[in-house]
Amino acid sequence: MDVKAFLSKSMFLGACLLSTGITLGILGFMLVLAYPLFARGLFWEMLIQPWSPGQGLFGVGPMITGTLCIASLAVVISIPISLGVACFVGIVHPGGKGRILKSVVEAMTSVPTVIYGFVGVFLLVPLVRTLFSGGSGMCILSAGMMLGLLISPTMILFFVQSFTLVPQNHLDAADALGANTVQKFFYIVLPWAWKSMVTGLILSFGRAMGDTLIALMISGNAAAFPESVLDPARTLTAHIALIIAADFDSIEFKTLFVCGISLYAMTGFGVVLARGLGQRGRA
């Protein structure tokens, strides 16, 4: 075997093993520190119990519910925005205006999350409070809308990349038959690109679940089960940030590892699902 090829293969294998080892090491770390909860039979109860330290209840059920609600709403809000921009960039105007807009989208991915949070606090929250005539405006709706804006650039770039997978001869054949842009999009592009697009949706959903600052700043941080999108909620990541200063030996502190394992499981499932869809798309 060529020396350069051997070294390259060894480096890639080493990087793969290192990243896998770090990922499994983090999971092992959380499992070891959460072991007292498993030993006492509290772990599974905490996944569904409410959070009420005054009554001796340290469940993270409200935080899991808040995380899923906010992340799901963010994806629902982001899909039409991302699909429209991606269609403009990748199909309607792939050059000129589309190239400029794509550069803007790429630049948006580098904007710090805290900037989105400040915009949400000073612009979005007062708007929601005014429109719905009550409450603080810090709620699931505000957090979901701002998170939807945050994940839109990532989703747009995934969608645009998915559109490039469509064989050019199929598009040329559609043009030869007199198909317009809308017909090409629905009958040629989407049937070819949807599997890669779903992968982008899943990864964007994972990013929304893992965000801390936006949820911490504008979701309201109420540790209770929400009943509507106008209710405040607390996410798992926000809960970790708020409770991390608690006494190490307290049951309150150990709930951090329940939150971490829950996040790990939900995002890990998403990655596995995305990988499976990607493999099916290439088959």
Protein backbone atom coordinates (compact mmCIF):
# COMPACT_ATOMS: atom_id res chain seq x y z
CA MET A 1 0.00 0.00 0.00
CA ASP A 2 1.17 3.51 -0.78
CA VAL A 3 2.60 5.33 2.25
CA LYS A 4 0.44 8.43 1.75
CA ALA A 5 -2.69 6.33 1.36
CA PHE A 6 -1.79 4.35 4.50
CA LEU A 7 -1.20 7.53 6.51
CA SER A 8 -4.42 9.10 5.27
CA LYS A 9 -6.40 5.98 6.10
CA SER A 10 -4.81 5.79 9.55
CA MET A 11 -5.56 9.47 10.26
CA PHE A 12 -9.20 9.14 9.23
CA LEU A 13 -9.58 5.94 11.26
CA GLY A 14 -7.97 7.61 14.27
CA ALA A 15 -10.28 10.63 13.99
CA CYS A 16 -13.28 8.31 13.73
CA LEU A 17 -12.24 6.29 16.78
CA LEU A 18 -11.47 9.46 18.76
CA SER A 19 -14.84 11.07 18.04
CA THR A 20 -16.65 7.80 18.81
CA GLY A 21 -14.69 7.39 22.02
CA ILE A 22 -15.46 10.93 23.17
CA THR A 23 -19.16 10.50 22.40
CA LEU A 24 -19.38 7.19 24.27
CA GLY A 25 -17.24 8.60 27.08
CA ILE A 26 -19.69 11.46 27.61
CA LEU A 27 -22.58 8.98 27.73
CA GLY A 28 -20.66 6.80 30.18
CA PHE A 29 -19.89 9.83 32.36
CA MET A 30 -23.58 10.73 32.58
CA LEU A 31 -24.62 7.13 33.27
CA VAL A 32 -22.06 6.76 36.09
CA LEU A 33 -23.17 9.97 37.81
CA ALA A 34 -26.82 9.05 37.33
CA TYR A 35 -26.26 5.54 38.76
CA PRO A 36 -27.58 6.47 42.24
CA LEU A 37 -30.89 7.35 40.62
CA PHE A 38 -31.00 4.02 38.78
CA ALA A 39 -30.09 2.16 41.99
CA ARG A 40 -32.91 3.82 43.92
CA GLY A 41 -35.41 3.33 41.09
CA LEU A 42 -35.92 7.06 40.64
CA PHE A 43 -34.64 7.57 37.11
CA TRP A 44 -37.70 6.40 35.18
CA GLU A 45 -40.07 8.15 37.56
CA MET A 46 -38.23 11.43 37.02
CA LEU A 47 -38.92 11.29 33.29
CA ILE A 48 -42.65 11.80 33.85
CA GLN A 49 -42.92 13.47 37.24
CA PRO A 50 -43.48 17.23 37.64
CA TRP A 51 -40.83 19.54 39.07
CA SER A 52 -41.85 20.59 42.59
CA PRO A 53 -38.87 20.58 44.99
CA GLY A 54 -41.08 21.81 47.84
CA GLN A 55 -43.07 18.57 47.60
CA GLY A 56 -40.01 16.40 47.06
CA LEU A 57 -40.70 15.95 43.33
CA PHE A 58 -37.72 16.42 41.02
CA GLY A 59 -39.15 15.16 37.75
CA VAL A 60 -38.03 16.52 34.39
CA GLY A 61 -41.27 15.70 32.58
CA PRO A 62 -42.17 19.40 32.12
CA MET A 63 -38.72 20.10 30.66
CA ILE A 64 -38.94 17.18 28.22
CA THR A 65 -42.39 18.39 27.15
CA GLY A 66 -41.17 21.98 26.79
CA THR A 67 -38.18 20.89 24.73
CA LEU A 68 -40.28 18.85 22.32
CA CYS A 69 -42.94 21.57 21.99
CA ILE A 70 -40.51 24.41 21.31
CA ALA A 71 -38.29 22.39 18.96
CA SER A 72 -41.28 21.00 17.03
CA LEU A 73 -42.84 24.45 16.67
CA ALA A 74 -39.50 25.83 15.46
CA VAL A 75 -39.28 23.18 12.73
CA VAL A 76 -42.90 23.75 11.65
CA ILE A 77 -42.28 27.50 11.38
CA SER A 78 -38.94 27.04 9.61
CA ILE A 79 -40.09 24.58 6.92
CA PRO A 80 -42.09 26.99 4.68
CA ILE A 81 -39.48 29.75 5.05
CA SER A 82 -36.60 27.41 4.28
CA LEU A 83 -38.37 25.67 1.41
CA GLY A 84 -39.27 28.96 -0.23
CA VAL A 85 -35.77 30.43 0.06
CA ALA A 86 -34.16 27.18 -1.08
CA CYS A 87 -36.46 27.00 -4.09
CA PHE A 88 -35.56 30.57 -5.05
CA VAL A 89 -31.82 29.95 -4.57
CA GLY A 90 -31.59 26.51 -6.11
CA ILE A 91 -34.26 26.48 -8.82
CA VAL A 92 -35.76 29.86 -9.71
CA HIS A 93 -32.56 31.96 -9.65
CA PRO A 94 -29.54 29.65 -9.17
CA GLY A 95 -27.24 32.46 -10.31
CA GLY A 96 -27.13 36.19 -9.73
CA LYS A 97 -29.76 37.03 -7.08
CA GLY A 98 -29.84 33.45 -5.87
CA ARG A 99 -26.09 33.36 -5.36
CA ILE A 100 -26.21 36.60 -3.37
CA LEU A 101 -29.07 35.33 -1.21
CA LYS A 102 -27.23 32.07 -0.57
CA SER A 103 -24.20 34.05 0.62
CA VAL A 104 -26.45 35.94 3.04
CA VAL A 105 -27.87 32.65 4.34
CA GLU A 106 -24.38 31.24 4.82
CA ALA A 107 -23.41 34.37 6.75
CA MET A 108 -26.47 33.94 9.00
CA THR A 109 -25.17 30.58 10.19
CA SER A 110 -22.27 32.37 11.88
CA VAL A 111 -24.42 34.84 13.85
CA PRO A 112 -24.07 34.10 17.61
CA THR A 113 -27.17 32.63 19.22
CA VAL A 114 -27.21 35.33 21.87
CA ILE A 115 -27.90 37.92 19.15
CA TYR A 116 -31.06 36.06 18.19
CA GLY A 117 -31.94 35.99 21.88
CA PHE A 118 -31.57 39.76 22.27
CA VAL A 119 -33.69 40.36 19.17
CA GLY A 120 -36.31 38.05 20.64
CA VAL A 121 -36.33 39.83 24.01
CA PHE A 122 -36.57 43.38 22.66
CA LEU A 123 -38.64 42.88 19.49
CA LEU A 124 -40.47 39.54 19.36
CA VAL A 125 -41.55 39.22 23.00
CA PRO A 126 -43.25 42.69 23.11
CA LEU A 127 -44.93 41.93 19.77
CA VAL A 128 -46.35 38.61 21.03
CA ARG A 129 -47.44 40.27 24.28
CA THR A 130 -49.27 42.99 22.33
CA LEU A 131 -50.88 40.70 19.77
CA PHE A 132 -52.27 38.25 22.33
CA SER A 133 -53.17 40.87 24.96
CA GLY A 134 -51.79 39.28 28.06
CA GLY A 135 -48.95 37.46 29.65
CA SER A 136 -45.32 38.37 29.56
CA GLY A 137 -44.79 37.35 25.93
CA MET A 138 -42.11 34.92 27.07
CA CYS A 139 -43.67 31.68 25.99
CA ILE A 140 -43.41 28.65 23.73
CA LEU A 141 -44.59 30.66 20.72
CA SER A 142 -41.88 33.32 21.10
CA ALA A 143 -39.13 30.76 21.64
CA GLY A 144 -40.38 28.59 18.77
CA MET A 145 -40.50 31.51 16.34
CA MET A 146 -37.00 32.68 17.19
CA LEU A 147 -35.61 29.13 17.10
CA GLY A 148 -37.29 28.68 13.72
CA LEU A 149 -35.35 31.69 12.47
CA LEU A 150 -32.16 30.29 14.00
CA ILE A 151 -32.37 26.89 12.30
CA SER A 152 -33.66 28.22 8.96
CA PRO A 153 -30.17 28.89 7.45
CA THR A 154 -29.07 25.33 8.20
CA MET A 155 -32.26 23.92 6.74
CA ILE A 156 -32.01 26.13 3.65
CA LEU A 157 -28.48 24.96 2.90
CA PHE A 158 -29.55 21.33 3.33
CA PHE A 159 -32.47 21.83 0.96
CA VAL A 160 -30.33 23.57 -1.67
CA GLN A 161 -27.78 20.76 -1.48
CA SER A 162 -30.61 18.22 -1.83
CA PHE A 163 -31.83 19.91 -5.01
CA THR A 164 -28.41 19.39 -6.60
CA LEU A 165 -28.95 15.61 -6.39
CA VAL A 166 -31.61 15.77 -9.10
CA PRO A 167 -30.18 14.44 -12.41
CA GLN A 168 -29.78 17.23 -14.93
CA ASN A 169 -31.15 15.08 -17.76
CA HIS A 170 -34.48 14.80 -15.90
CA LEU A 171 -34.70 18.59 -15.67
CA ASP A 172 -33.76 18.93 -19.33
CA ALA A 173 -36.45 16.43 -20.29
CA ALA A 174 -39.02 18.40 -18.28
CA ASP A 175 -37.96 21.59 -20.07
CA ALA A 176 -38.27 19.86 -23.42
CA LEU A 177 -41.83 18.85 -22.52
CA GLY A 178 -42.70 22.46 -21.67
CA ALA A 179 -42.89 22.09 -17.87
CA ASN A 180 -42.79 25.32 -15.91
CA THR A 181 -40.80 25.91 -12.72
CA VAL A 182 -43.62 24.86 -10.37
CA GLN A 183 -44.23 21.63 -12.27
CA LYS A 184 -40.53 20.77 -12.29
CA PHE A 185 -40.33 21.42 -8.56
CA PHE A 186 -43.28 19.21 -7.59
CA TYR A 187 -42.90 16.43 -10.16
CA ILE A 188 -39.10 16.19 -10.57
CA VAL A 189 -37.20 17.89 -7.76
CA LEU A 190 -39.19 16.87 -4.68
CA PRO A 191 -39.49 13.14 -5.58
CA TRP A 192 -35.69 13.00 -6.00
CA ALA A 193 -34.66 15.22 -3.09
CA TRP A 194 -37.15 14.50 -0.31
CA LYS A 195 -35.03 11.89 1.52
CA SER A 196 -32.08 14.24 1.85
CA MET A 197 -34.47 17.01 2.84
CA VAL A 198 -35.87 14.88 5.66
CA THR A 199 -32.32 14.32 6.89
CA GLY A 200 -31.90 18.10 7.05
CA LEU A 201 -35.17 18.41 8.96
CA ILE A 202 -34.07 15.87 11.54
CA LEU A 203 -30.68 17.48 12.07
CA SER A 204 -32.29 20.93 12.34
CA PHE A 205 -34.72 19.52 14.90
CA GLY A 206 -31.73 18.23 16.86
CA ARG A 207 -30.13 21.66 16.78
CA ALA A 208 -33.36 23.24 18.02
CA MET A 209 -33.51 20.77 20.92
CA GLY A 210 -29.90 21.46 21.85
CA ASP A 211 -30.12 25.26 21.89
CA THR A 212 -29.76 26.88 25.32
CA LEU A 213 -29.69 30.67 25.09
CA ILE A 214 -32.89 31.33 23.15
CA ALA A 215 -34.92 29.01 25.37
CA LEU A 216 -33.25 30.46 28.47
CA MET A 217 -33.90 34.06 27.44
CA ILE A 218 -37.41 34.07 25.97
CA SER A 219 -39.31 30.85 26.79
CA GLY A 220 -40.32 32.00 30.29
CA ASN A 221 -38.56 29.13 32.14
CA ALA A 222 -41.66 27.91 33.96
CA ALA A 223 -41.01 24.38 35.26
CA ALA A 224 -44.57 23.22 34.60
CA PHE A 225 -46.37 21.25 31.92
CA PRO A 226 -47.51 23.77 29.26
CA GLU A 227 -51.11 23.77 28.10
CA SER A 228 -50.81 26.05 25.07
CA VAL A 229 -48.19 27.78 22.93
CA LEU A 230 -48.78 30.97 24.94
CA ASP A 231 -47.67 29.30 28.18
CA PRO A 232 -44.09 29.69 29.43
CA ALA A 233 -41.97 26.56 29.43
CA ARG A 234 -38.51 25.37 30.36
CA THR A 235 -36.33 23.21 28.12
CA LEU A 236 -33.84 20.56 29.20
CA THR A 237 -30.86 22.71 28.25
CA ALA A 238 -32.24 25.74 30.11
CA HIS A 239 -32.88 23.55 33.15
CA ILE A 240 -29.28 22.36 33.10
CA ALA A 241 -28.04 25.95 32.92
CA LEU A 242 -30.26 27.04 35.83
CA ILE A 243 -29.62 24.10 38.18
CA ILE A 244 -25.90 23.60 37.61
CA ALA A 245 -24.96 25.63 40.71
CA ALA A 246 -26.85 23.30 43.07
CA ASP A 247 -25.13 21.16 45.71
CA PHE A 248 -23.32 18.24 44.06
CA ASP A 249 -24.75 15.66 46.47
CA SER A 250 -28.34 16.89 46.22
CA ILE A 251 -31.04 15.08 44.28
CA GLU A 252 -31.68 18.39 42.52
CA PHE A 253 -28.17 18.36 41.05
CA LYS A 254 -28.47 14.75 39.94
CA THR A 255 -31.48 15.66 37.79
CA LEU A 256 -28.95 17.31 35.47
CA PHE A 257 -27.82 13.89 34.37
CA VAL A 258 -31.40 12.78 33.76
CA CYS A 259 -31.72 15.81 31.48
CA GLY A 260 -28.41 15.02 29.77
CA ILE A 261 -29.29 11.38 29.15
CA SER A 262 -32.72 12.38 27.82
CA LEU A 263 -31.19 14.89 25.41
CA TYR A 264 -28.57 12.35 24.37
CA ALA A 265 -31.24 9.75 23.66
CA MET A 266 -33.49 12.09 21.66
CA THR A 267 -30.73 13.60 19.54
CA GLY A 268 -29.03 10.22 19.10
CA PHE A 269 -32.26 8.73 17.79
CA GLY A 270 -32.53 11.63 15.35
CA VAL A 271 -28.99 11.08 14.05
CA VAL A 272 -29.60 7.34 13.60
CA LEU A 273 -32.84 8.06 11.76
CA ALA A 274 -31.11 10.63 9.53
CA ARG A 275 -28.33 8.16 8.73
CA GLY A 276 -30.86 5.46 7.85
CA LEU A 277 -32.75 7.78 5.54
CA GLY A 278 -29.50 8.88 3.94
CA GLN A 279 -28.55 5.28 3.21
CA ARG A 280 -31.98 4.56 1.73
CA GLY A 281 -31.66 7.69 -0.40
CA ARG A 282 -28.36 6.48 -1.87
CA ALA A 283 -29.63 2.94 -2.45
